[in-house]
Each structure stands twice: as structure tokens, then as C-alpha cells.
Amino acid sequence: MPISSPPTDRRDIDELRRYVADHLDADLSAAALAARMNLSERHFARVFTQETGATPAAYVESLRVEAARRLLETTDQPLEHIARATGLRSVETLHRAFRRRIATSPAAYRRRFRTTV
């Protein structure tokens, strides 16, 4: 689910999606997001999935991987820094998310798509 996904029928979900995109290194667990929306975790997960077509965890991971992709394409920052900056926390988690979402490693992605020297 890209950052540019269309608006939902609920303004509060759209505001939460903007918050997530702007705070990728924060605690974006379903529990934390549910608390932010003043909903139970179960109800929040149901509403969020219905409105966005993705679970909260899948949505957050997709935004984090998208942000990591941009950093890999445009910077020479080490993978450790990219993992922390995007909220993936560790190089291992960055690798797992890349394998799951893009079917390649971060290093291979960078070699193929880097646009700067």
C-alpha cells in the first residue's frame, strides 16, 4: 500500500495514515495506533483493514519499506542507519521486510536502483 493511496471514507483513518507516514521510526504497533485513535485494538484493526485494504502491520511495513527504498536509491547511508530511520530497527528486520515485499535484499536493490554517486 503506497503512501499515495486514495483517501478513505473516514477522515480519522486518513489522518492516522499521514501520522504513520511522518513518524516511521515511532512505535506504530496496532496497540499504539489503536490507543492513538481511542479504539480497542481489535476494533481498530477491523476498521483500518476495512478502510485501507491492509492490516495495520502490513500497511506500516509497506510504508517503511517504501521509505527504505527511497533512501537506498538516493543515499549511501549504511543499512543500519536506514533500518533505524525507517523504523525497521535492525538490518535483519530490513532484510526480512525487503525479501517479503520486494523479493530481493537491500544491498541488491541499492546496486540496481541507486540514482546518486
PDB file of N, CA and C in Angstrom:
ATOM      1  N   MET A   1       0.865  -1.183   0.000  1.00  0.00           N
ATOM      2  CA  MET A   1       0.000   0.000   0.000  1.00  0.00           C
ATOM      3  C   MET A   1       0.905   1.238   0.000  1.00  0.00           C
ATOM      4  N   PRO A   2       0.947   1.982  -1.069  1.00  0.00           N
ATOM      5  CA  PRO A   2       1.819   3.148  -1.155  1.00  0.00           C
ATOM      6  C   PRO A   2       1.295   4.325  -0.342  1.00  0.00           C
ATOM      7  N   ILE A   3       2.210   5.239  -0.062  1.00  0.00           N
ATOM      8  CA  ILE A   3       1.841   6.449   0.673  1.00  0.00           C
ATOM      9  C   ILE A   3       0.748   7.204  -0.070  1.00  0.00           C
ATOM     10  N   SER A   4       0.765   7.140  -1.384  1.00  0.00           N
ATOM     11  CA  SER A   4      -0.181   7.897  -2.193  1.00  0.00           C
ATOM     12  C   SER A   4      -1.520   7.181  -2.362  1.00  0.00           C
ATOM     13  N   SER A   5      -1.856   6.257  -1.461  1.00  0.00           N
ATOM     14  CA  SER A   5      -3.128   5.558  -1.596  1.00  0.00           C
ATOM     15  C   SER A   5      -4.282   6.538  -1.472  1.00  0.00           C
ATOM     16  N   PRO A   6      -5.395   6.217  -2.123  1.00  0.00           N
ATOM     17  CA  PRO A   6      -6.530   7.148  -2.133  1.00  0.00           C
ATOM     18  C   PRO A   6      -7.115   7.340  -0.735  1.00  0.00           C
ATOM     19  N   PRO A   7      -7.785   8.453  -0.542  1.00  0.00           N
ATOM     20  CA  PRO A   7      -8.410   8.716   0.758  1.00  0.00           C
ATOM     21  C   PRO A   7      -9.467   7.658   1.077  1.00  0.00           C
ATOM     22  N   THR A   8      -9.687   7.465   2.360  1.00  0.00           N
ATOM     23  CA  THR A   8     -10.719   6.534   2.801  1.00  0.00           C
ATOM     24  C   THR A   8     -12.007   7.313   3.057  1.00  0.00           C
ATOM     25  N   ASP A   9     -13.012   6.605   3.512  1.00  0.00           N
ATOM     26  CA  ASP A   9     -14.277   7.256   3.866  1.00  0.00           C
ATOM     27  C   ASP A   9     -14.227   7.879   5.261  1.00  0.00           C
ATOM     28  N   ARG A  10     -13.130   7.634   5.974  1.00  0.00           N
ATOM     29  CA  ARG A  10     -13.005   8.140   7.343  1.00  0.00           C
ATOM     30  C   ARG A  10     -11.820   9.086   7.452  1.00  0.00           C
ATOM     31  N   ARG A  11     -12.108  10.301   7.834  1.00  0.00           N
ATOM     32  CA  ARG A  11     -11.047  11.300   7.979  1.00  0.00           C
ATOM     33  C   ARG A  11     -10.053  10.920   9.060  1.00  0.00           C
ATOM     34  N   ASP A  12     -10.518  10.281  10.138  1.00  0.00           N
ATOM     35  CA  ASP A  12      -9.597   9.907  11.210  1.00  0.00           C
ATOM     36  C   ASP A  12      -8.577   8.860  10.741  1.00  0.00           C
ATOM     37  N   ILE A  13      -8.989   7.965   9.865  1.00  0.00           N
ATOM     38  CA  ILE A  13      -8.055   6.976   9.314  1.00  0.00           C
ATOM     39  C   ILE A  13      -7.052   7.671   8.393  1.00  0.00           C
ATOM     40  N   ASP A  14      -7.526   8.612   7.588  1.00  0.00           N
ATOM     41  CA  ASP A  14      -6.613   9.357   6.711  1.00  0.00           C
ATOM     42  C   ASP A  14      -5.594  10.158   7.525  1.00  0.00           C
ATOM     43  N   GLU A  15      -6.041  10.765   8.622  1.00  0.00           N
ATOM     44  CA  GLU A  15      -5.117  11.499   9.496  1.00  0.00           C
ATOM     45  C   GLU A  15      -4.111  10.549  10.129  1.00  0.00           C
ATOM     46  N   LEU A  16      -4.561   9.373  10.516  1.00  0.00           N
ATOM     47  CA  LEU A  16      -3.653   8.386  11.095  1.00  0.00           C
ATOM     48  C   LEU A  16      -2.635   7.928  10.054  1.00  0.00           C
ATOM     49  N   ARG A  17      -3.054   7.734   8.826  1.00  0.00           N
ATOM     50  CA  ARG A  17      -2.122   7.336   7.768  1.00  0.00           C
ATOM     51  C   ARG A  17      -1.060   8.412   7.555  1.00  0.00           C
ATOM     52  N   ARG A  18      -1.436   9.676   7.612  1.00  0.00           N
ATOM     53  CA  ARG A  18      -0.449  10.754   7.498  1.00  0.00           C
ATOM     54  C   ARG A  18       0.508  10.728   8.687  1.00  0.00           C
ATOM     55  N   TYR A  19      -0.034  10.483   9.884  1.00  0.00           N
ATOM     56  CA  TYR A  19       0.813  10.386  11.072  1.00  0.00           C
ATOM     57  C   TYR A  19       1.828   9.255  10.897  1.00  0.00           C
ATOM     58  N   VAL A  20       1.383   8.103  10.463  1.00  0.00           N
ATOM     59  CA  VAL A  20       2.265   6.956  10.265  1.00  0.00           C
ATOM     60  C   VAL A  20       3.370   7.316   9.276  1.00  0.00           C
ATOM     61  N   ALA A  21       3.012   7.916   8.154  1.00  0.00           N
ATOM     62  CA  ALA A  21       3.996   8.275   7.122  1.00  0.00           C
ATOM     63  C   ALA A  21       5.031   9.264   7.662  1.00  0.00           C
ATOM     64  N   ASP A  22       4.630  10.128   8.580  1.00  0.00           N
ATOM     65  CA  ASP A  22       5.533  11.141   9.128  1.00  0.00           C
ATOM     66  C   ASP A  22       6.324  10.666  10.344  1.00  0.00           C
ATOM     67  N   HIS A  23       5.999   9.500  10.894  1.00  0.00           N
ATOM     68  CA  HIS A  23       6.634   9.020  12.124  1.00  0.00           C
ATOM     69  C   HIS A  23       7.029   7.547  12.007  1.00  0.00           C
ATOM     70  N   LEU A  24       7.691   7.204  10.930  1.00  0.00           N
ATOM     71  CA  LEU A  24       8.026   5.800  10.679  1.00  0.00           C
ATOM     72  C   LEU A  24       8.923   5.194  11.747  1.00  0.00           C
ATOM     73  N   ASP A  25       9.702   6.021  12.452  1.00  0.00           N
ATOM     74  CA  ASP A  25      10.591   5.484  13.473  1.00  0.00           C
ATOM     75  C   ASP A  25       9.930   5.399  14.851  1.00  0.00           C
ATOM     76  N   ALA A  26       8.646   5.714  14.935  1.00  0.00           N
ATOM     77  CA  ALA A  26       7.915   5.651  16.205  1.00  0.00           C
ATOM     78  C   ALA A  26       7.343   4.248  16.424  1.00  0.00           C
ATOM     79  N   ASP A  27       6.758   4.040  17.597  1.00  0.00           N
ATOM     80  CA  ASP A  27       6.042   2.791  17.873  1.00  0.00           C
ATOM     81  C   ASP A  27       4.736   2.840  17.081  1.00  0.00           C
ATOM     82  N   LEU A  28       4.662   2.034  16.042  1.00  0.00           N
ATOM     83  CA  LEU A  28       3.472   2.006  15.192  1.00  0.00           C
ATOM     84  C   LEU A  28       2.799   0.640  15.260  1.00  0.00           C
ATOM     85  N   SER A  29       2.879   0.025  16.422  1.00  0.00           N
ATOM     86  CA  SER A  29       2.197  -1.254  16.619  1.00  0.00           C
ATOM     87  C   SER A  29       0.694  -1.018  16.568  1.00  0.00           C
ATOM     88  N   ALA A  30      -0.046  -2.078  16.320  1.00  0.00           N
ATOM     89  CA  ALA A  30      -1.506  -1.957  16.291  1.00  0.00           C
ATOM     90  C   ALA A  30      -2.014  -1.414  17.623  1.00  0.00           C
ATOM     91  N   ALA A  31      -1.409  -1.840  18.719  1.00  0.00           N
ATOM     92  CA  ALA A  31      -1.833  -1.357  20.036  1.00  0.00           C
ATOM     93  C   ALA A  31      -1.616   0.145  20.167  1.00  0.00           C
ATOM     94  N   ALA A  32      -0.453   0.629  19.721  1.00  0.00           N
ATOM     95  CA  ALA A  32      -0.154   2.058  19.822  1.00  0.00           C
ATOM     96  C   ALA A  32      -1.072   2.869  18.912  1.00  0.00           C
ATOM     97  N   LEU A  33      -1.315   2.375  17.704  1.00  0.00           N
ATOM     98  CA  LEU A  33      -2.200   3.096  16.781  1.00  0.00           C
ATOM     99  C   LEU A  33      -3.641   3.083  17.275  1.00  0.00           C
ATOM    100  N   ALA A  34      -4.070   1.968  17.827  1.00  0.00           N
ATOM    101  CA  ALA A  34      -5.426   1.885  18.383  1.00  0.00           C
ATOM    102  C   ALA A  34      -5.598   2.878  19.523  1.00  0.00           C
ATOM    103  N   ALA A  35      -4.586   2.957  20.388  1.00  0.00           N
ATOM    104  CA  ALA A  35      -4.644   3.905  21.502  1.00  0.00           C
ATOM    105  C   ALA A  35      -4.712   5.339  20.974  1.00  0.00           C
ATOM    106  N   ARG A  36      -3.960   5.615  19.939  1.00  0.00           N
ATOM    107  CA  ARG A  36      -3.972   6.948  19.334  1.00  0.00           C
ATOM    108  C   ARG A  36      -5.365   7.310  18.811  1.00  0.00           C
ATOM    109  N   MET A  37      -6.098   6.309  18.336  1.00  0.00           N
ATOM    110  CA  MET A  37      -7.448   6.526  17.799  1.00  0.00           C
ATOM    111  C   MET A  37      -8.534   6.362  18.873  1.00  0.00           C
ATOM    112  N   ASN A  38      -8.123   6.026  20.105  1.00  0.00           N
ATOM    113  CA  ASN A  38      -9.075   5.786  21.203  1.00  0.00           C
ATOM    114  C   ASN A  38     -10.053   4.659  20.874  1.00  0.00           C
ATOM    115  N   LEU A  39      -9.521   3.590  20.270  1.00  0.00           N
ATOM    116  CA  LEU A  39     -10.323   2.415  19.944  1.00  0.00           C
ATOM    117  C   LEU A  39      -9.660   1.191  20.556  1.00  0.00           C
ATOM    118  N   SER A  40     -10.439   0.149  20.752  1.00  0.00           N
ATOM    119  CA  SER A  40      -9.823  -1.108  21.165  1.00  0.00           C
ATOM    120  C   SER A  40      -8.967  -1.603  20.005  1.00  0.00           C
ATOM    121  N   GLU A  41      -7.960  -2.392  20.335  1.00  0.00           N
ATOM    122  CA  GLU A  41      -7.063  -2.886  19.292  1.00  0.00           C
ATOM    123  C   GLU A  41      -7.820  -3.716  18.254  1.00  0.00           C
ATOM    124  N   ARG A  42      -8.722  -4.540  18.720  1.00  0.00           N
ATOM    125  CA  ARG A  42      -9.495  -5.398  17.799  1.00  0.00           C
ATOM    126  C   ARG A  42     -10.387  -4.573  16.877  1.00  0.00           C
ATOM    127  N   HIS A  43     -11.103  -3.612  17.436  1.00  0.00           N
ATOM    128  CA  HIS A  43     -11.981  -2.770  16.617  1.00  0.00           C
ATOM    129  C   HIS A  43     -11.158  -1.915  15.649  1.00  0.00           C
ATOM    130  N   PHE A  44     -10.053  -1.361  16.149  1.00  0.00           N
ATOM    131  CA  PHE A  44      -9.184  -0.569  15.284  1.00  0.00           C
ATOM    132  C   PHE A  44      -8.701  -1.396  14.097  1.00  0.00           C
ATOM    133  N   ALA A  45      -8.205  -2.602  14.359  1.00  0.00           N
ATOM    134  CA  ALA A  45      -7.690  -3.456  13.279  1.00  0.00           C
ATOM    135  C   ALA A  45      -8.788  -3.740  12.248  1.00  0.00           C
ATOM    136  N   ARG A  46      -9.981  -3.983  12.713  1.00  0.00           N
ATOM    137  CA  ARG A  46     -11.111  -4.255  11.811  1.00  0.00           C
ATOM    138  C   ARG A  46     -11.423  -3.033  10.947  1.00  0.00           C
ATOM    139  N   VAL A  47     -11.535  -1.871  11.567  1.00  0.00           N
ATOM    140  CA  VAL A  47     -11.864  -0.639  10.850  1.00  0.00           C
ATOM    141  C   VAL A  47     -10.745  -0.270   9.874  1.00  0.00           C
ATOM    142  N   PHE A  48      -9.509  -0.340  10.337  1.00  0.00           N
ATOM    143  CA  PHE A  48      -8.377   0.033   9.499  1.00  0.00           C
ATOM    144  C   PHE A  48      -8.295  -0.861   8.269  1.00  0.00           C
ATOM    145  N   THR A  49      -8.429  -2.157   8.473  1.00  0.00           N
ATOM    146  CA  THR A  49      -8.365  -3.105   7.351  1.00  0.00           C
ATOM    147  C   THR A  49      -9.515  -2.878   6.383  1.00  0.00           C
ATOM    148  N   GLN A  50     -10.692  -2.624   6.904  1.00  0.00           N
ATOM    149  CA  GLN A  50     -11.852  -2.373   6.046  1.00  0.00           C
ATOM    150  C   GLN A  50     -11.643  -1.107   5.206  1.00  0.00           C
ATOM    151  N   GLU A  51     -11.074  -0.074   5.793  1.00  0.00           N
ATOM    152  CA  GLU A  51     -10.902   1.204   5.101  1.00  0.00           C
ATOM    153  C   GLU A  51      -9.719   1.222   4.140  1.00  0.00           C
ATOM    154  N   THR A  52      -8.642   0.512   4.478  1.00  0.00           N
ATOM    155  CA  THR A  52      -7.424   0.608   3.669  1.00  0.00           C
ATOM    156  C   THR A  52      -7.145  -0.628   2.820  1.00  0.00           C
ATOM    157  N   GLY A  53      -7.773  -1.742   3.171  1.00  0.00           N
ATOM    158  CA  GLY A  53      -7.493  -2.981   2.448  1.00  0.00           C
ATOM    159  C   GLY A  53      -6.234  -3.682   2.925  1.00  0.00           C
ATOM    160  N   ALA A  54      -5.643  -3.207   4.001  1.00  0.00           N
ATOM    161  CA  ALA A  54      -4.431  -3.826   4.553  1.00  0.00           C
ATOM    162  C   ALA A  54      -4.529  -3.838   6.070  1.00  0.00           C
ATOM    163  N   THR A  55      -3.910  -4.828   6.685  1.00  0.00           N
ATOM    164  CA  THR A  55      -3.841  -4.828   8.139  1.00  0.00           C
ATOM    165  C   THR A  55      -2.939  -3.680   8.579  1.00  0.00           C
ATOM    166  N   PRO A  56      -3.074  -3.223   9.817  1.00  0.00           N
ATOM    167  CA  PRO A  56      -2.177  -2.162  10.280  1.00  0.00           C
ATOM    168  C   PRO A  56      -0.702  -2.542  10.136  1.00  0.00           C
ATOM    169  N   ALA A  57      -0.336  -3.769  10.492  1.00  0.00           N
ATOM    170  CA  ALA A  57       1.074  -4.188  10.400  1.00  0.00           C
ATOM    171  C   ALA A  57       1.554  -4.191   8.951  1.00  0.00           C
ATOM    172  N   ALA A  58       0.748  -4.698   8.046  1.00  0.00           N
ATOM    173  CA  ALA A  58       1.150  -4.737   6.628  1.00  0.00           C
ATOM    174  C   ALA A  58       1.271  -3.323   6.073  1.00  0.00           C
ATOM    175  N   TYR A  59       0.360  -2.453   6.457  1.00  0.00           N
ATOM    176  CA  TYR A  59       0.398  -1.068   5.983  1.00  0.00           C
ATOM    177  C   TYR A  59       1.665  -0.367   6.465  1.00  0.00           C
ATOM    178  N   VAL A  60       1.960  -0.494   7.750  1.00  0.00           N
ATOM    179  CA  VAL A  60       3.149   0.153   8.320  1.00  0.00           C
ATOM    180  C   VAL A  60       4.409  -0.404   7.654  1.00  0.00           C
ATOM    181  N   GLU A  61       4.481  -1.720   7.513  1.00  0.00           N
ATOM    182  CA  GLU A  61       5.667  -2.305   6.890  1.00  0.00           C
ATOM    183  C   GLU A  61       5.830  -1.819   5.453  1.00  0.00           C
ATOM    184  N   SER A  62       4.744  -1.706   4.716  1.00  0.00           N
ATOM    185  CA  SER A  62       4.860  -1.250   3.326  1.00  0.00           C
ATOM    186  C   SER A  62       5.385   0.179   3.256  1.00  0.00           C
ATOM    187  N   LEU A  63       4.956   1.046   4.172  1.00  0.00           N
ATOM    188  CA  LEU A  63       5.472   2.416   4.188  1.00  0.00           C
ATOM    189  C   LEU A  63       6.938   2.445   4.584  1.00  0.00           C
ATOM    190  N   ARG A  64       7.306   1.621   5.539  1.00  0.00           N
ATOM    191  CA  ARG A  64       8.708   1.573   5.970  1.00  0.00           C
ATOM    192  C   ARG A  64       9.611   1.061   4.847  1.00  0.00           C
ATOM    193  N   VAL A  65       9.172   0.054   4.132  1.00  0.00           N
ATOM    194  CA  VAL A  65       9.966  -0.472   3.014  1.00  0.00           C
ATOM    195  C   VAL A  65      10.049   0.569   1.899  1.00  0.00           C
ATOM    196  N   GLU A  66       8.960   1.258   1.635  1.00  0.00           N
ATOM    197  CA  GLU A  66       8.977   2.310   0.613  1.00  0.00           C
ATOM    198  C   GLU A  66       9.979   3.404   0.980  1.00  0.00           C
ATOM    199  N   ALA A  67       9.996   3.803   2.254  1.00  0.00           N
ATOM    200  CA  ALA A  67      10.952   4.819   2.702  1.00  0.00           C
ATOM    201  C   ALA A  67      12.384   4.290   2.599  1.00  0.00           C
ATOM    202  N   ALA A  68      12.598   3.039   2.962  1.00  0.00           N
ATOM    203  CA  ALA A  68      13.927   2.436   2.851  1.00  0.00           C
ATOM    204  C   ALA A  68      14.366   2.376   1.392  1.00  0.00           C
ATOM    205  N   ARG A  69      13.447   2.057   0.510  1.00  0.00           N
ATOM    206  CA  ARG A  69      13.771   2.025  -0.923  1.00  0.00           C
ATOM    207  C   ARG A  69      14.276   3.384  -1.391  1.00  0.00           C
ATOM    208  N   ARG A  70      13.574   4.440  -0.998  1.00  0.00           N
ATOM    209  CA  ARG A  70      13.993   5.798  -1.403  1.00  0.00           C
ATOM    210  C   ARG A  70      15.387   6.114  -0.880  1.00  0.00           C
ATOM    211  N   LEU A  71      15.665   5.750   0.369  1.00  0.00           N
ATOM    212  CA  LEU A  71      16.988   6.013   0.939  1.00  0.00           C
ATOM    213  C   LEU A  71      18.066   5.192   0.238  1.00  0.00           C
ATOM    214  N   LEU A  72      17.763   3.971  -0.092  1.00  0.00           N
ATOM    215  CA  LEU A  72      18.727   3.129  -0.807  1.00  0.00           C
ATOM    216  C   LEU A  72      19.012   3.684  -2.199  1.00  0.00           C
ATOM    217  N   GLU A  73      18.011   4.243  -2.827  1.00  0.00           N
ATOM    218  CA  GLU A  73      18.163   4.795  -4.180  1.00  0.00           C
ATOM    219  C   GLU A  73      18.936   6.103  -4.184  1.00  0.00           C
ATOM    220  N   THR A  74      18.812   6.892  -3.136  1.00  0.00           N
ATOM    221  CA  THR A  74      19.308   8.271  -3.194  1.00  0.00           C
ATOM    222  C   THR A  74      20.439   8.594  -2.229  1.00  0.00           C
ATOM    223  N   THR A  75      20.822   7.650  -1.362  1.00  0.00           N
ATOM    224  CA  THR A  75      21.890   7.930  -0.405  1.00  0.00           C
ATOM    225  C   THR A  75      22.883   6.773  -0.346  1.00  0.00           C
ATOM    226  N   ASP A  76      23.993   7.032   0.305  1.00  0.00           N
ATOM    227  CA  ASP A  76      24.981   5.995   0.588  1.00  0.00           C
ATOM    228  C   ASP A  76      24.960   5.624   2.071  1.00  0.00           C
ATOM    229  N   GLN A  77      23.892   5.964   2.760  1.00  0.00           N
ATOM    230  CA  GLN A  77      23.792   5.672   4.190  1.00  0.00           C
ATOM    231  C   GLN A  77      23.910   4.166   4.419  1.00  0.00           C
ATOM    232  N   PRO A  78      24.572   3.772   5.506  1.00  0.00           N
ATOM    233  CA  PRO A  78      24.677   2.340   5.810  1.00  0.00           C
ATOM    234  C   PRO A  78      23.301   1.740   6.120  1.00  0.00           C
ATOM    235  N   LEU A  79      23.196   0.445   5.918  1.00  0.00           N
ATOM    236  CA  LEU A  79      21.920  -0.238   6.153  1.00  0.00           C
ATOM    237  C   LEU A  79      21.442  -0.077   7.590  1.00  0.00           C
ATOM    238  N   GLU A  80      22.358  -0.035   8.550  1.00  0.00           N
ATOM    239  CA  GLU A  80      21.980   0.138   9.955  1.00  0.00           C
ATOM    240  C   GLU A  80      21.232   1.457  10.148  1.00  0.00           C
ATOM    241  N   HIS A  81      21.736   2.517   9.526  1.00  0.00           N
ATOM    242  CA  HIS A  81      21.087   3.828   9.642  1.00  0.00           C
ATOM    243  C   HIS A  81      19.713   3.807   8.965  1.00  0.00           C
ATOM    244  N   ILE A  82      19.637   3.222   7.788  1.00  0.00           N
ATOM    245  CA  ILE A  82      18.360   3.158   7.059  1.00  0.00           C
ATOM    246  C   ILE A  82      17.335   2.362   7.861  1.00  0.00           C
ATOM    247  N   ALA A  83      17.765   1.255   8.449  1.00  0.00           N
ATOM    248  CA  ALA A  83      16.847   0.441   9.259  1.00  0.00           C
ATOM    249  C   ALA A  83      16.296   1.249  10.430  1.00  0.00           C
ATOM    250  N   ARG A  84      17.165   1.976  11.123  1.00  0.00           N
ATOM    251  CA  ARG A  84      16.712   2.795  12.264  1.00  0.00           C
ATOM    252  C   ARG A  84      15.816   3.943  11.802  1.00  0.00           C
ATOM    253  N   ALA A  85      16.219   4.635  10.739  1.00  0.00           N
ATOM    254  CA  ALA A  85      15.481   5.812  10.268  1.00  0.00           C
ATOM    255  C   ALA A  85      14.076   5.461   9.794  1.00  0.00           C
ATOM    256  N   THR A  86      13.900   4.266   9.296  1.00  0.00           N
ATOM    257  CA  THR A  86      12.589   3.871   8.763  1.00  0.00           C
ATOM    258  C   THR A  86      11.765   3.069   9.761  1.00  0.00           C
ATOM    259  N   GLY A  87      12.284   2.897  10.967  1.00  0.00           N
ATOM    260  CA  GLY A  87      11.534   2.190  12.000  1.00  0.00           C
ATOM    261  C   GLY A  87      11.632   0.684  11.914  1.00  0.00           C
ATOM    262  N   LEU A  88      12.451   0.166  11.000  1.00  0.00           N
ATOM    263  CA  LEU A  88      12.610  -1.279  10.900  1.00  0.00           C
ATOM    264  C   LEU A  88      13.574  -1.801  11.965  1.00  0.00           C
ATOM    265  N   ARG A  89      14.270  -0.908  12.624  1.00  0.00           N
ATOM    266  CA  ARG A  89      15.081  -1.141  13.818  1.00  0.00           C
ATOM    267  C   ARG A  89      16.403  -1.863  13.590  1.00  0.00           C
ATOM    268  N   SER A  90      16.439  -2.926  12.785  1.00  0.00           N
ATOM    269  CA  SER A  90      17.687  -3.676  12.612  1.00  0.00           C
ATOM    270  C   SER A  90      17.874  -4.061  11.150  1.00  0.00           C
ATOM    271  N   VAL A  91      19.119  -4.346  10.793  1.00  0.00           N
ATOM    272  CA  VAL A  91      19.417  -4.768   9.423  1.00  0.00           C
ATOM    273  C   VAL A  91      18.702  -6.083   9.125  1.00  0.00           C
ATOM    274  N   GLU A  92      18.624  -6.948  10.119  1.00  0.00           N
ATOM    275  CA  GLU A  92      17.929  -8.227   9.923  1.00  0.00           C
ATOM    276  C   GLU A  92      16.454  -8.013   9.570  1.00  0.00           C
ATOM    277  N   THR A  93      15.791  -7.120  10.284  1.00  0.00           N
ATOM    278  CA  THR A  93      14.383  -6.823  10.000  1.00  0.00           C
ATOM    279  C   THR A  93      14.246  -6.159   8.629  1.00  0.00           C
ATOM    280  N   LEU A  94      15.175  -5.281   8.290  1.00  0.00           N
ATOM    281  CA  LEU A  94      15.178  -4.649   6.970  1.00  0.00           C
ATOM    282  C   LEU A  94      15.276  -5.714   5.884  1.00  0.00           C
ATOM    283  N   HIS A  95      16.189  -6.667   6.053  1.00  0.00           N
ATOM    284  CA  HIS A  95      16.341  -7.759   5.090  1.00  0.00           C
ATOM    285  C   HIS A  95      15.057  -8.578   4.960  1.00  0.00           C
ATOM    286  N   ARG A  96      14.474  -8.942   6.094  1.00  0.00           N
ATOM    287  CA  ARG A  96      13.245  -9.757   6.049  1.00  0.00           C
ATOM    288  C   ARG A  96      12.117  -9.019   5.348  1.00  0.00           C
ATOM    289  N   ALA A  97      11.951  -7.733   5.662  1.00  0.00           N
ATOM    290  CA  ALA A  97      10.886  -6.947   5.034  1.00  0.00           C
ATOM    291  C   ALA A  97      11.118  -6.809   3.533  1.00  0.00           C
ATOM    292  N   PHE A  98      12.363  -6.601   3.136  1.00  0.00           N
ATOM    293  CA  PHE A  98      12.676  -6.498   1.706  1.00  0.00           C
ATOM    294  C   PHE A  98      12.393  -7.811   0.990  1.00  0.00           C
ATOM    295  N   ARG A  99      12.790  -8.910   1.585  1.00  0.00           N
ATOM    296  CA  ARG A  99      12.532 -10.221   0.973  1.00  0.00           C
ATOM    297  C   ARG A  99      11.032 -10.445   0.808  1.00  0.00           C
ATOM    298  N   ARG A 100      10.276 -10.086   1.840  1.00  0.00           N
ATOM    299  CA  ARG A 100       8.827 -10.292   1.820  1.00  0.00           C
ATOM    300  C   ARG A 100       8.154  -9.397   0.775  1.00  0.00           C
ATOM    301  N   ARG A 101       8.551  -8.135   0.704  1.00  0.00           N
ATOM    302  CA  ARG A 101       7.853  -7.155  -0.137  1.00  0.00           C
ATOM    303  C   ARG A 101       8.421  -7.035  -1.542  1.00  0.00           C
ATOM    304  N   ILE A 102       9.742  -7.207  -1.704  1.00  0.00           N
ATOM    305  CA  ILE A 102      10.376  -6.914  -2.991  1.00  0.00           C
ATOM    306  C   ILE A 102      11.114  -8.130  -3.566  1.00  0.00           C
ATOM    307  N   ALA A 103      11.265  -9.159  -2.763  1.00  0.00           N
ATOM    308  CA  ALA A 103      11.929 -10.397  -3.193  1.00  0.00           C
ATOM    309  C   ALA A 103      13.395 -10.186  -3.576  1.00  0.00           C
ATOM    310  N   THR A 104      14.052  -9.290  -2.874  1.00  0.00           N
ATOM    311  CA  THR A 104      15.489  -9.082  -3.054  1.00  0.00           C
ATOM    312  C   THR A 104      16.062  -8.545  -1.751  1.00  0.00           C
ATOM    313  N   SER A 105      17.363  -8.423  -1.693  1.00  0.00           N
ATOM    314  CA  SER A 105      17.997  -7.866  -0.491  1.00  0.00           C
ATOM    315  C   SER A 105      18.157  -6.352  -0.658  1.00  0.00           C
ATOM    316  N   PRO A 106      18.304  -5.626   0.446  1.00  0.00           N
ATOM    317  CA  PRO A 106      18.531  -4.178   0.349  1.00  0.00           C
ATOM    318  C   PRO A 106      19.781  -3.842  -0.463  1.00  0.00           C
ATOM    319  N   ALA A 107      20.853  -4.600  -0.269  1.00  0.00           N
ATOM    320  CA  ALA A 107      22.104  -4.322  -0.995  1.00  0.00           C
ATOM    321  C   ALA A 107      21.914  -4.532  -2.501  1.00  0.00           C
ATOM    322  N   ALA A 108      21.238  -5.610  -2.884  1.00  0.00           N
ATOM    323  CA  ALA A 108      20.995  -5.861  -4.304  1.00  0.00           C
ATOM    324  C   ALA A 108      20.089  -4.775  -4.885  1.00  0.00           C
ATOM    325  N   TYR A 109      19.106  -4.353  -4.120  1.00  0.00           N
ATOM    326  CA  TYR A 109      18.216  -3.285  -4.573  1.00  0.00           C
ATOM    327  C   TYR A 109      19.021  -2.003  -4.812  1.00  0.00           C
ATOM    328  N   ARG A 110      19.886  -1.664  -3.861  1.00  0.00           N
ATOM    329  CA  ARG A 110      20.699  -0.454  -3.988  1.00  0.00           C
ATOM    330  C   ARG A 110      21.591  -0.532  -5.226  1.00  0.00           C
ATOM    331  N   ARG A 111      22.257  -1.640  -5.441  1.00  0.00           N
ATOM    332  CA  ARG A 111      23.129  -1.769  -6.616  1.00  0.00           C
ATOM    333  C   ARG A 111      22.351  -1.558  -7.907  1.00  0.00           C
ATOM    334  N   ARG A 112      21.135  -2.032  -7.947  1.00  0.00           N
ATOM    335  CA  ARG A 112      20.352  -1.951  -9.178  1.00  0.00           C
ATOM    336  C   ARG A 112      19.709  -0.585  -9.397  1.00  0.00           C
ATOM    337  N   PHE A 113      19.258   0.064  -8.315  1.00  0.00           N
ATOM    338  CA  PHE A 113      18.431   1.261  -8.477  1.00  0.00           C
ATOM    339  C   PHE A 113      19.030   2.556  -7.963  1.00  0.00           C
ATOM    340  N   ARG A 114      20.235   2.549  -7.426  1.00  0.00           N
ATOM    341  CA  ARG A 114      20.796   3.786  -6.884  1.00  0.00           C
ATOM    342  C   ARG A 114      20.902   4.836  -7.986  1.00  0.00           C
ATOM    343  N   THR A 115      20.466   6.059  -7.682  1.00  0.00           N
ATOM    344  CA  THR A 115      20.447   7.138  -8.679  1.00  0.00           C
ATOM    345  C   THR A 115      21.499   8.203  -8.415  1.00  0.00           C
ATOM    346  N   THR A 116      22.247   8.077  -7.307  1.00  0.00           N
ATOM    347  CA  THR A 116      23.299   9.056  -6.990  1.00  0.00           C
ATOM    348  C   THR A 116      24.623   8.335  -6.858  1.00  0.00           C
ATOM    349  N   VAL A 117      25.686   9.109  -6.922  1.00  0.00           N
ATOM    350  CA  VAL A 117      27.026   8.527  -6.782  1.00  0.00           C
ATOM    351  C   VAL A 117      27.472   8.599  -5.343  1.00  0.00           C
TER     352      VAL A 117
END
